[in-house]
N, C-alpha and C. Protein backbone atom coordinates (compact mmCIF):
# COMPACT_ATOMS: atom_id res chain seq x y z
N UNK A 1 0.97 -1.33 -0.03
CA UNK A 1 -0.23 -0.07 -0.02
C UNK A 1 1.13 1.37 0.04
N UNK A 2 0.75 2.40 -1.00
CA UNK A 2 1.04 3.66 -0.91
C UNK A 2 1.12 3.90 0.12
N UNK A 3 2.06 4.78 0.98
CA UNK A 3 1.57 5.57 2.26
C UNK A 3 1.63 7.08 1.63
N UNK A 4 1.31 7.80 2.16
CA UNK A 4 0.77 9.34 2.11
C UNK A 4 1.79 10.12 1.97
N UNK A 5 2.92 10.30 3.06
CA UNK A 5 4.26 10.67 2.64
C UNK A 5 5.44 10.10 2.18
N UNK A 6 5.11 8.75 1.01
CA UNK A 6 6.01 8.43 0.92
C UNK A 6 6.06 7.10 1.68
N UNK A 7 7.03 5.79 0.57
CA UNK A 7 6.80 4.87 0.96
C UNK A 7 5.77 3.74 0.88
N UNK A 8 5.78 2.74 1.78
CA UNK A 8 4.89 1.48 1.58
C UNK A 8 4.75 0.92 2.64
N UNK A 9 2.92 0.07 3.00
CA UNK A 9 3.36 -0.73 3.85
C UNK A 9 3.05 -1.64 3.74
N UNK A 10 2.54 -2.77 4.57
CA UNK A 10 2.78 -4.22 3.70
C UNK A 10 1.36 -4.33 4.42
N UNK A 11 0.45 -5.28 3.63
CA UNK A 11 -1.35 -5.73 4.14
C UNK A 11 -1.00 -6.90 3.68
N UNK A 12 -2.07 -7.77 4.32
CA UNK A 12 -2.54 -9.22 3.85
C UNK A 12 -3.42 -8.94 3.91
N UNK A 13 -4.03 -9.45 2.59
CA UNK A 13 -5.90 -9.79 2.83
C UNK A 13 -6.38 -10.95 3.16
N UNK A 14 -7.19 -10.80 4.08
CA UNK A 14 -6.97 -12.16 4.40
C UNK A 14 -8.82 -12.40 4.39
N UNK A 15 -9.52 -11.63 4.01
CA UNK A 15 -11.08 -12.20 3.49
C UNK A 15 -11.31 -11.31 2.38
N UNK A 16 -11.72 -11.88 1.11
CA UNK A 16 -12.67 -10.78 -0.04
C UNK A 16 -13.26 -12.29 -0.30
N UNK A 17 -14.27 -11.49 -0.67
CA UNK A 17 -15.86 -12.07 -1.14
C UNK A 17 -15.32 -12.21 -2.72
N UNK A 18 -16.16 -13.39 -3.61
CA UNK A 18 -16.07 -13.62 -5.11
C UNK A 18 -16.46 -12.25 -5.59
N UNK A 19 -17.05 -11.45 -5.32
CA UNK A 19 -17.55 -10.23 -6.20
C UNK A 19 -16.52 -9.32 -5.56
N UNK A 20 -15.76 -9.31 -4.27
CA UNK A 20 -15.09 -8.27 -3.86
C UNK A 20 -15.59 -7.26 -3.48
N UNK A 21 -15.10 -5.80 -3.74
CA UNK A 21 -16.15 -5.10 -3.17
C UNK A 21 -15.32 -4.57 -1.52
N UNK A 22 -15.75 -5.32 -0.55
CA UNK A 22 -15.22 -5.08 0.40
C UNK A 22 -14.14 -6.36 1.06
N UNK A 23 -13.15 -5.59 1.59
CA UNK A 23 -12.11 -6.37 1.68
C UNK A 23 -11.60 -6.61 3.49
N UNK A 24 -11.15 -7.36 4.26
CA UNK A 24 -10.65 -7.79 5.32
C UNK A 24 -9.24 -7.49 5.38
N UNK A 25 -8.48 -6.39 5.52
CA UNK A 25 -6.69 -6.49 5.45
C UNK A 25 -6.35 -6.62 6.89
N UNK A 26 -5.22 -7.02 7.22
CA UNK A 26 -4.20 -6.60 8.22
C UNK A 26 -2.69 -6.08 7.47
N UNK A 27 -2.71 -5.06 8.27
CA UNK A 27 -1.40 -3.80 8.18
C UNK A 27 -0.62 -3.93 8.80
N UNK A 28 0.75 -3.58 8.56
CA UNK A 28 1.87 -3.94 8.95
C UNK A 28 3.02 -3.00 8.93
N UNK A 29 3.67 -2.33 10.01
CA UNK A 29 4.70 -1.50 9.58
C UNK A 29 6.21 -2.75 9.78
N UNK A 30 7.20 -1.91 9.74
CA UNK A 30 7.59 -0.99 9.63
C UNK A 30 7.47 -0.24 8.03
N UNK A 31 7.41 1.12 7.64
CA UNK A 31 7.29 1.40 6.69
C UNK A 31 8.31 1.70 5.72
N UNK A 32 7.93 0.94 4.61
CA UNK A 32 9.20 0.79 3.19
C UNK A 32 9.32 1.57 2.56
N UNK A 33 10.55 1.62 1.97
CA UNK A 33 11.29 2.23 1.16
C UNK A 33 10.45 2.55 -0.10
N UNK A 34 10.29 0.77 -0.63
CA UNK A 34 10.07 0.48 -1.95
C UNK A 34 9.41 -0.89 -1.64
N UNK A 35 8.40 -0.94 -3.11
CA UNK A 35 7.49 -2.10 -2.60
C UNK A 35 8.79 -3.31 -2.78
N UNK A 36 9.75 -3.20 -3.42
CA UNK A 36 10.86 -4.24 -3.67
C UNK A 36 11.33 -5.01 -2.44
N UNK A 37 11.23 -4.06 -1.82
CA UNK A 37 11.86 -4.72 -0.25
C UNK A 37 10.75 -5.24 0.74
N UNK A 38 9.95 -5.30 -0.10
CA UNK A 38 8.63 -6.31 1.26
C UNK A 38 8.99 -7.61 1.28
N UNK A 39 8.80 -8.07 2.30
CA UNK A 39 8.50 -9.36 2.90
C UNK A 39 7.41 -10.20 3.14
N UNK A 40 7.35 -11.34 3.15
CA UNK A 40 5.97 -11.70 3.73
C UNK A 40 6.56 -12.97 4.39
N UNK A 41 7.14 -13.24 4.55
CA UNK A 41 7.61 -14.30 5.66
C UNK A 41 7.38 -13.84 7.38
N UNK A 42 7.75 -12.62 7.27
CA UNK A 42 7.78 -12.49 8.99
C UNK A 42 6.27 -11.91 9.50
N UNK A 43 5.66 -11.84 8.71
CA UNK A 43 4.50 -11.08 9.09
C UNK A 43 3.47 -12.34 9.71
N UNK A 44 3.14 -11.50 11.18
CA UNK A 44 2.17 -12.47 12.24
C UNK A 44 1.06 -11.72 12.18
N UNK A 45 -0.05 -12.23 12.37
CA UNK A 45 -1.54 -11.56 12.72
C UNK A 45 -1.35 -10.52 14.10
N UNK A 46 -0.68 -11.09 14.70
CA UNK A 46 -0.36 -10.07 15.94
C UNK A 46 0.29 -9.16 16.14
N UNK A 47 1.01 -9.41 15.07
CA UNK A 47 1.96 -8.12 14.79
C UNK A 47 1.66 -6.56 14.14
N UNK A 48 -0.26 -7.01 13.66
CA UNK A 48 -0.49 -5.99 12.49
C UNK A 48 -0.80 -4.37 13.59
N UNK A 49 -0.95 -3.42 12.53
CA UNK A 49 -0.76 -2.31 13.25
C UNK A 49 -2.10 -1.86 13.35
N UNK A 50 -3.12 -2.34 12.44
CA UNK A 50 -4.37 -2.19 12.23
C UNK A 50 -5.00 -3.57 11.35
N UNK A 51 -6.00 -3.73 11.65
CA UNK A 51 -7.08 -4.70 10.82
C UNK A 51 -8.85 -3.96 10.48
N UNK A 52 -8.96 -3.82 9.32
CA UNK A 52 -9.72 -2.68 9.22
C UNK A 52 -10.33 -3.46 7.30
N UNK A 53 -11.90 -3.30 7.31
CA UNK A 53 -12.48 -3.46 6.41
C UNK A 53 -12.07 -2.32 5.37
N UNK A 54 -12.03 -2.27 4.25
CA UNK A 54 -11.81 -1.14 3.22
C UNK A 54 -12.01 -1.94 1.54
N UNK A 55 -12.55 -0.41 0.87
CA UNK A 55 -12.92 -0.89 -0.38
C UNK A 55 -12.08 -1.52 -1.27
N UNK A 56 -11.89 -2.13 -2.30
CA UNK A 56 -10.53 -2.88 -3.14
C UNK A 56 -10.37 -2.30 -4.23
N UNK A 57 -10.99 -0.66 -4.17
CA UNK A 57 -10.48 -0.04 -5.55
C UNK A 57 -9.21 0.34 -5.63
N UNK A 58 -7.87 0.15 -4.50
CA UNK A 58 -6.73 0.39 -4.68
C UNK A 58 -6.19 -0.93 -5.25
N UNK A 59 -6.94 -2.04 -5.02
CA UNK A 59 -6.31 -3.23 -5.49
C UNK A 59 -6.76 -3.63 -7.06
N UNK A 60 -7.71 -2.63 -7.28
CA UNK A 60 -8.30 -3.15 -9.16
C UNK A 60 -7.65 -1.90 -9.81
N UNK A 61 -7.32 -0.70 -9.39
CA UNK A 61 -6.58 0.26 -10.04
C UNK A 61 -5.49 0.00 -10.44
N UNK A 62 -4.97 -1.12 -9.03
CA UNK A 62 -3.54 -1.61 -9.23
C UNK A 62 -2.05 -0.33 -8.32
N UNK A 63 -2.96 0.55 -7.74
CA UNK A 63 -2.18 1.26 -7.05
C UNK A 63 -1.86 0.69 -5.73
N UNK A 64 -2.18 -0.31 -5.15
CA UNK A 64 -2.08 -1.28 -4.26
C UNK A 64 -1.40 -2.55 -4.81
N UNK A 65 0.03 -2.96 -5.00
CA UNK A 65 0.68 -3.95 -5.48
C UNK A 65 0.37 -5.33 -4.80
N UNK A 66 0.14 -6.19 -5.63
CA UNK A 66 0.07 -7.55 -5.03
C UNK A 66 1.59 -8.45 -5.19
N UNK A 67 1.99 -8.27 -4.05
CA UNK A 67 3.38 -9.11 -4.20
C UNK A 67 3.36 -10.59 -4.08
N UNK A 68 2.40 -11.20 -3.72
CA UNK A 68 2.56 -12.56 -3.69
C UNK A 68 1.60 -13.04 -2.85
N UNK A 69 1.69 -14.30 -2.54
CA UNK A 69 1.09 -15.42 -1.53
C UNK A 69 2.10 -15.70 -0.26
N UNK A 70 1.36 -15.70 0.76
CA UNK A 70 1.45 -15.49 2.36
C UNK A 70 2.12 -17.45 2.07
N UNK A 71 3.32 -17.28 2.74
CA UNK A 71 4.15 -18.84 2.73
C UNK A 71 3.33 -19.18 4.23
N UNK A 72 2.41 -20.29 3.92
CA UNK A 72 1.95 -20.96 5.35
C UNK A 72 0.87 -20.42 5.67
N UNK A 73 0.33 -19.78 4.81
CA UNK A 73 -1.00 -18.81 5.32
C UNK A 73 -2.21 -20.05 5.54
N UNK A 74 -2.56 -19.94 6.43
CA UNK A 74 -3.87 -20.68 7.42
C UNK A 74 -4.87 -19.52 7.54
N UNK A 75 -5.94 -19.98 6.95
CA UNK A 75 -6.86 -18.84 7.49
C UNK A 75 -7.63 -18.74 8.49
N UNK A 76 -7.41 -20.28 9.31
CA UNK A 76 -7.98 -19.41 10.75
C UNK A 76 -7.25 -18.64 12.14
N UNK A 77 -6.03 -18.86 11.07
CA UNK A 77 -4.54 -18.09 11.88
C UNK A 77 -5.20 -16.30 11.54
N UNK A 78 -5.74 -15.93 10.60
CA UNK A 78 -5.89 -14.40 10.53
C UNK A 78 -7.37 -14.44 10.71
N UNK A 79 -8.07 -14.51 11.69
CA UNK A 79 -9.54 -14.23 11.74
C UNK A 79 -10.12 -12.90 11.33
N UNK A 80 -11.35 -12.74 11.33
CA UNK A 80 -11.98 -11.64 11.20
C UNK A 80 -12.03 -10.76 12.65
N UNK A 81 -11.42 -9.88 12.98
CA UNK A 81 -11.65 -9.35 14.37
C UNK A 81 -12.69 -8.93 14.94
N UNK A 82 -13.02 -8.57 16.06
CA UNK A 82 -13.96 -7.77 16.08
C UNK A 82 -14.16 -6.41 16.35
N UNK A 83 -15.13 -5.91 16.20
CA UNK A 83 -15.13 -4.20 16.16
C UNK A 83 -15.73 -3.88 16.78
N UNK A 84 -15.73 -2.37 17.12
CA UNK A 84 -16.98 -1.72 18.35
C UNK A 84 -17.68 -0.34 17.01
N UNK A 85 -18.89 -0.29 17.59
CA UNK A 85 -19.61 0.72 17.28
C UNK A 85 -19.56 1.66 18.13
N UNK A 86 -19.60 2.69 18.25
CA UNK A 86 -19.73 3.69 19.37
C UNK A 86 -20.43 4.79 18.87
N UNK A 87 -21.67 5.62 19.72
CA UNK A 87 -21.76 6.94 19.89
C UNK A 87 -21.39 7.65 21.36
N UNK A 88 -20.83 8.59 21.00
CA UNK A 88 -20.29 9.13 22.02
C UNK A 88 -21.34 10.48 22.57
N UNK A 89 -22.30 10.18 22.01
CA UNK A 89 -23.18 11.00 22.75
C UNK A 89 -24.15 10.40 24.13
N UNK A 90 -24.88 9.54 23.35
CA UNK A 90 -25.34 8.32 24.32
C UNK A 90 -24.16 7.52 25.10
N UNK A 91 -23.30 7.51 24.99
CA UNK A 91 -22.00 6.83 25.11
C UNK A 91 -22.35 5.37 25.69
N UNK A 92 -23.07 4.82 24.33
CA UNK A 92 -23.40 3.62 24.31
C UNK A 92 -22.47 3.16 22.64
N UNK A 93 -22.28 1.50 23.33
CA UNK A 93 -21.40 0.59 22.14
C UNK A 93 -21.79 -0.33 21.95
N UNK A 94 -21.41 -0.98 20.82
CA UNK A 94 -21.94 -2.39 20.28
C UNK A 94 -20.98 -3.31 19.58
N UNK A 95 -20.61 -4.13 20.04
CA UNK A 95 -19.39 -5.05 19.45
C UNK A 95 -20.07 -6.05 18.47
N UNK A 96 -19.16 -5.67 17.48
CA UNK A 96 -19.51 -6.15 16.00
C UNK A 96 -18.67 -7.05 15.40
N UNK A 97 -19.52 -8.09 15.12
CA UNK A 97 -18.50 -9.65 14.73
C UNK A 97 -19.27 -9.93 13.25
N UNK A 98 -18.48 -10.25 12.77
CA UNK A 98 -19.06 -10.22 10.65
C UNK A 98 -18.45 -11.74 10.53
N UNK A 99 -19.81 -12.32 9.95
CA UNK A 99 -19.23 -13.77 9.46
C UNK A 99 -18.48 -13.65 8.41
N UNK A 100 -18.75 -12.18 7.15
CA UNK A 100 -17.51 -12.09 5.90
C UNK A 100 -17.35 -10.55 6.60
N UNK A 101 -16.37 -10.39 5.22
CA UNK A 101 -16.49 -8.57 5.40
C UNK A 101 -17.31 -7.85 5.73
N UNK A 102 -18.55 -7.92 4.82
CA UNK A 102 -19.71 -7.24 4.92
C UNK A 102 -21.08 -7.66 5.65
N UNK A 103 -21.32 -8.61 6.32
CA UNK A 103 -22.19 -9.10 6.89
C UNK A 103 -21.67 -9.34 8.26
N UNK A 104 -22.53 -8.75 9.57
CA UNK A 104 -22.62 -8.64 10.65
C UNK A 104 -23.31 -9.57 10.69
N UNK A 105 -22.46 -10.39 12.04
CA UNK A 105 -23.54 -11.83 12.63
C UNK A 105 -24.07 -10.86 14.25
N UNK A 106 -23.81 -9.96 15.02
CA UNK A 106 -24.13 -10.00 16.12
C UNK A 106 -23.70 -8.14 16.20
N UNK A 107 -24.35 -7.70 16.96
CA UNK A 107 -24.19 -6.48 17.60
C UNK A 107 -24.40 -6.17 18.98
N UNK A 108 -24.30 -6.93 19.66
CA UNK A 108 -24.94 -7.09 21.02
C UNK A 108 -24.38 -5.63 21.65
N UNK A 109 -25.40 -5.09 22.68
CA UNK A 109 -24.97 -3.71 23.19
C UNK A 109 -23.75 -4.07 24.41
N UNK A 110 -22.73 -3.08 24.57
CA UNK A 110 -21.89 -3.45 25.12
C UNK A 110 -21.39 -2.15 26.53
N UNK A 111 -20.49 -2.13 27.38
CA UNK A 111 -20.18 -0.99 27.84
C UNK A 111 -19.80 -0.26 27.17
N UNK A 112 -19.58 0.82 27.33
CA UNK A 112 -18.89 1.98 26.14
C UNK A 112 -17.38 1.81 26.54
N UNK A 113 -16.94 2.26 27.90
CA UNK A 113 -15.20 2.00 28.06
C UNK A 113 -14.60 0.21 28.04
N UNK A 114 -15.34 -0.48 27.93
CA UNK A 114 -15.11 -1.76 27.89
C UNK A 114 -14.32 -2.18 26.34
N UNK A 115 -14.68 -1.61 25.42
CA UNK A 115 -14.40 -1.71 24.15
C UNK A 115 -13.26 -0.83 23.42
N UNK A 116 -12.20 -0.43 24.49
CA UNK A 116 -11.51 1.04 24.14
C UNK A 116 -10.63 0.01 23.22
N UNK A 117 -9.81 -1.15 23.42
CA UNK A 117 -9.01 -1.94 22.66
C UNK A 117 -9.44 -2.14 21.24
N UNK A 118 -10.55 -2.10 20.61
CA UNK A 118 -10.99 -2.97 19.12
C UNK A 118 -11.39 -1.79 18.88
N UNK A 119 -11.10 -2.37 17.20
CA UNK A 119 -10.79 -1.45 15.91
C UNK A 119 -11.80 -0.76 15.67
N UNK A 120 -12.50 0.35 15.44
CA UNK A 120 -13.73 0.94 14.91
C UNK A 120 -14.46 0.46 14.11
N UNK A 121 -15.45 0.09 13.71
CA UNK A 121 -16.35 -0.73 13.10
C UNK A 121 -16.82 0.24 11.75
N UNK A 122 -16.07 0.09 10.76
CA UNK A 122 -16.26 1.44 10.26
C UNK A 122 -15.47 0.78 8.36
N UNK A 123 -15.92 1.44 7.84
CA UNK A 123 -15.50 0.86 5.90
C UNK A 123 -15.02 1.66 5.56
N UNK A 124 -13.46 1.66 5.25
CA UNK A 124 -12.75 2.66 4.77
C UNK A 124 -12.50 2.56 3.31
N UNK A 125 -12.51 3.98 2.52
CA UNK A 125 -12.47 3.47 0.72
C UNK A 125 -10.73 3.44 0.57
N UNK A 126 -10.22 3.08 -0.18
CA UNK A 126 -8.70 3.21 -0.44
C UNK A 126 -8.18 3.96 0.16
N UNK A 127 -8.30 4.74 -0.29
CA UNK A 127 -7.72 6.43 0.32
C UNK A 127 -7.80 6.86 1.64
N UNK A 128 -8.83 6.61 2.38
CA UNK A 128 -8.92 6.56 3.69
C UNK A 128 -7.89 5.09 4.58
N UNK A 129 -8.06 4.12 3.99
CA UNK A 129 -7.22 3.20 4.37
C UNK A 129 -5.93 3.76 4.26
N UNK A 130 -5.11 4.41 3.70
CA UNK A 130 -3.84 4.52 3.14
C UNK A 130 -3.67 6.06 4.26
N UNK A 131 -4.51 6.45 4.33
CA UNK A 131 -4.04 7.60 5.34
C UNK A 131 -4.10 7.27 6.83
N UNK A 132 -4.92 6.76 7.14
CA UNK A 132 -4.90 5.48 8.48
C UNK A 132 -3.52 4.94 8.42
N UNK A 133 -3.54 4.36 7.60
CA UNK A 133 -1.94 3.34 7.87
C UNK A 133 -1.03 4.29 7.69
N UNK A 134 -0.75 5.37 7.04
CA UNK A 134 0.09 6.25 7.03
C UNK A 134 0.17 7.35 8.27
N UNK A 135 -0.91 7.16 9.15
CA UNK A 135 -0.79 8.17 10.57
C UNK A 135 -0.26 7.18 11.24
N UNK A 136 -0.21 5.43 11.55
CA UNK A 136 -0.23 4.90 12.44
C UNK A 136 1.07 4.83 12.06
N UNK A 137 1.40 4.11 10.90
CA UNK A 137 3.20 4.04 10.68
C UNK A 137 3.91 5.47 11.33
N UNK A 138 3.54 6.77 10.96
CA UNK A 138 4.45 7.62 11.31
C UNK A 138 4.32 7.68 12.89
N UNK A 139 3.35 7.62 13.64
CA UNK A 139 3.33 7.07 14.87
C UNK A 139 4.08 6.46 15.61
N UNK A 140 4.33 5.38 14.82
CA UNK A 140 5.05 4.16 15.55
C UNK A 140 6.89 4.63 15.42
N UNK A 141 7.12 6.24 14.48
CA UNK A 141 8.46 6.27 14.16
C UNK A 141 9.10 7.42 15.82
N UNK A 142 7.54 7.96 16.26
CA UNK A 142 7.87 9.21 17.04
C UNK A 142 7.96 8.36 18.28
């Protein structure tokens, strides 16, 4: 994935429906100078800086390069994480679980403060995903 202020991030497509459109990906630092320096053998789901749902336009347009397949990739090792949907006005939160990247399977009400570590339930466009990962990797440098 190209980053906003130069360089690239690595990502793993963990789920992609046959018709595409909404993808679940795990993204990793550190920032790379070129896509040619990307390796896949050191990526582990627990080391991801973000696990997000995003649109596939960056992949379709070729802005996001596909550099290969993960060696020894097993679907069970790369699960769809739980997400949280928050309403800051009412201070209510919902735990959101997906069966696939587009279809949620449950949204039980949960305590607003208990879900702080979960990624926000949102759907990023390709550009918004690039901005989010760029910001997270810039924070790693500081």
